[in-house]
Protein backbone atom coordinates (compact mmCIF):
# COMPACT_ATOMS: atom_id res chain seq x y z
CA UNK A 1 0.03 0.19 -0.19
CA UNK A 2 1.02 3.46 -0.82
CA UNK A 3 2.45 5.35 2.15
CA UNK A 4 1.21 9.15 1.93
CA UNK A 5 3.89 12.12 2.27
CA UNK A 6 1.98 13.12 5.78
CA UNK A 7 2.51 9.54 7.06
CA UNK A 8 5.89 9.45 6.08
CA UNK A 9 6.47 12.91 8.24
CA UNK A 10 5.40 10.90 11.28
CA UNK A 11 8.34 8.56 10.91
CA UNK A 12 11.03 11.35 10.12
CA UNK A 13 12.60 12.79 12.92
CA UNK A 14 13.53 16.84 13.30
CA UNK A 15 17.11 15.81 13.98
CA UNK A 16 17.50 14.19 10.37
CA UNK A 17 16.23 17.43 8.82
CA UNK A 18 17.81 20.19 10.94
CA UNK A 19 20.30 22.34 10.60
CA UNK A 20 22.99 21.73 13.06
CA UNK A 21 24.21 24.62 14.92
CA UNK A 22 22.67 28.20 14.97
CA UNK A 23 23.49 31.74 14.28
CA UNK A 24 22.90 34.22 17.03
CA UNK A 25 23.53 37.50 18.41
CA UNK A 26 22.67 39.16 21.69
CA UNK A 27 19.99 41.46 22.38
CA UNK A 28 22.27 44.88 21.96
CA UNK A 29 23.27 43.98 18.43
CA UNK A 30 22.30 46.55 15.76
CA UNK A 31 19.93 45.86 13.16
CA UNK A 32 22.28 46.56 10.83
CA UNK A 33 24.81 43.79 11.86
CA UNK A 34 21.63 41.24 12.07
CA UNK A 35 21.06 42.17 8.69
CA UNK A 36 24.68 41.65 7.81
CA UNK A 37 25.19 38.48 9.26
CA UNK A 38 21.75 36.95 7.90
CA UNK A 39 22.79 38.19 4.40
CA UNK A 40 26.34 36.65 4.67
CA UNK A 41 25.14 33.67 6.07
CA UNK A 42 22.29 33.47 3.73
CA UNK A 43 20.05 32.37 6.61
CA UNK A 44 16.21 33.91 7.10
CA UNK A 45 16.64 34.27 11.08
CA UNK A 46 18.66 34.66 14.04
CA UNK A 47 18.67 32.97 17.63
CA UNK A 48 18.79 36.34 20.07
CA UNK A 49 20.15 35.64 23.44
CA UNK A 50 19.32 36.77 26.68
CA UNK A 51 21.83 38.14 29.25
CA UNK A 52 22.40 34.55 30.51
CA UNK A 53 23.00 33.19 27.00
CA UNK A 54 20.00 31.34 26.65
CA UNK A 55 18.03 31.35 23.32
CA UNK A 56 14.97 34.04 24.09
CA UNK A 57 13.75 34.96 21.02
CA UNK A 58 14.21 34.72 17.22
CA UNK A 59 14.50 38.04 14.62
CA UNK A 60 13.68 37.15 11.27
CA UNK A 61 14.24 38.58 7.96
CA UNK A 62 10.80 40.32 8.15
CA UNK A 63 11.39 41.67 11.37
CA UNK A 64 14.96 43.26 9.90
CA UNK A 65 12.83 44.65 6.92
CA UNK A 66 10.18 46.16 9.09
CA UNK A 67 12.75 47.86 11.55
CA UNK A 68 14.87 48.97 8.16
CA UNK A 69 11.60 50.74 6.70
CA UNK A 70 11.09 52.90 10.06
CA UNK A 71 14.81 53.58 11.19
CA UNK A 72 18.32 52.41 11.39
CA UNK A 73 18.77 52.87 15.20
CA UNK A 74 16.81 49.50 16.07
CA UNK A 75 18.83 46.73 18.26
CA UNK A 76 17.99 43.00 18.07
CA UNK A 77 15.80 43.19 21.30
CA UNK A 78 14.05 45.70 19.72
CA UNK A 79 12.73 43.91 16.67
CA UNK A 80 13.03 40.11 17.78
CA UNK A 81 9.21 39.10 16.84
CA UNK A 82 9.24 35.60 17.54
CA UNK A 83 9.39 33.64 21.08
CA UNK A 84 12.18 31.21 20.95
CA UNK A 85 10.21 27.64 20.48
CA UNK A 86 12.03 24.63 20.84
CA UNK A 87 11.68 20.83 19.51
CA UNK A 88 13.69 17.75 20.50
CA UNK A 89 15.73 16.17 17.69
CA UNK A 90 13.48 13.10 18.64
CA UNK A 91 10.52 14.74 17.61
CA UNK A 92 8.29 13.90 14.27
CA UNK A 93 8.41 16.46 11.68
CA UNK A 94 4.52 16.56 11.70
CA UNK A 95 4.54 17.29 15.48
CA UNK A 96 6.98 20.40 14.59
CA UNK A 97 5.05 21.21 11.82
CA UNK A 98 1.62 21.51 14.16
CA UNK A 99 3.95 23.40 16.75
CA UNK A 100 4.87 25.78 14.07
CA UNK A 101 1.50 26.18 12.41
CA UNK A 102 0.03 26.74 16.02
CA UNK A 103 2.42 29.54 17.09
CA UNK A 104 2.66 31.16 13.70
CA UNK A 105 6.51 30.50 13.44
CA UNK A 106 8.88 29.66 10.86
CA UNK A 107 11.67 28.54 13.17
CA UNK A 108 12.37 26.03 16.04
CA UNK A 109 15.31 25.62 18.22
CA UNK A 110 16.16 22.04 18.14
CA UNK A 111 17.37 20.72 21.46
CA UNK A 112 19.20 17.31 21.84
CA UNK A 113 16.41 14.69 22.93
CA UNK A 114 18.83 13.46 25.87
CA UNK A 115 20.53 16.66 27.32
CA UNK A 116 17.85 19.23 26.36
CA UNK A 117 20.83 21.47 24.97
CA UNK A 118 20.10 23.57 21.80
CA UNK A 119 21.84 21.76 18.80
CA UNK A 120 20.59 23.62 16.02
CA UNK A 121 17.53 24.96 14.12
CA UNK A 122 14.50 23.63 12.25
CA UNK A 123 12.69 25.78 9.53
CA UNK A 124 9.60 25.50 7.33
CA UNK A 125 11.95 25.32 4.83
CA UNK A 126 13.28 22.15 5.77
CA UNK A 127 10.07 20.44 6.73
CA UNK A 128 9.25 21.53 2.97
CA UNK A 129 11.86 20.00 1.87
CA UNK A 130 11.54 16.79 3.75
CA UNK A 131 7.81 16.47 2.49
CA UNK A 132 8.78 17.44 -1.22
CA UNK A 133 11.18 14.43 -1.18
CA UNK A 134 8.76 11.97 0.10
CA UNK A 135 6.12 13.08 -2.22
CA UNK A 136 8.30 12.82 -5.06
CA UNK A 137 9.63 9.32 -3.88
CA UNK A 138 5.98 8.36 -3.74
CA UNK A 139 4.98 9.34 -6.99
CA UNK A 140 7.76 7.21 -8.54
CA UNK A 141 6.82 4.11 -6.55
CA UNK A 142 3.21 4.62 -7.76
C-alpha cells in the first residue's frame, strides 16, 4: 500500500532534517549587523540570546526589513518578533509542523533529546524539503 507524504512525516525525526548549529546574536546587536549576518550566512533568522546566554527570541528577515523601513537605530531586542520555541531531535516532523502552525512561527530551536541543550534550528523550509522528497519518492513508486 502507498504511504502518503504526511504519514512519512510521522516517521521522520526533527534531528534528520535540522541544520546543526545556529547563528545568533545578543540583544544589543544593531539591526544593521543582524542584517549583515543574515545576508552573509544566507539565513532567514537569528537566535537572540538573553542576558544569561540562553535562546530567548528569534529575529527574522521580515523583522529586519520592517525595522529598516522605519529607522536604523534598532537593536535585536527591539525587533525580535518571535518567541524561541523548541523541538527535540526525536520529535516527528509532523509534530514540529503542528507546533509551528499553532504558534505562527517559521523556525524552531532544536534541542538534544537526551540533554535538552540547543543543537540546531529547524525551519519551515526544512520541513517543506522533507515533505517534497517523500511526495516525489511516493509518485515514483506508484
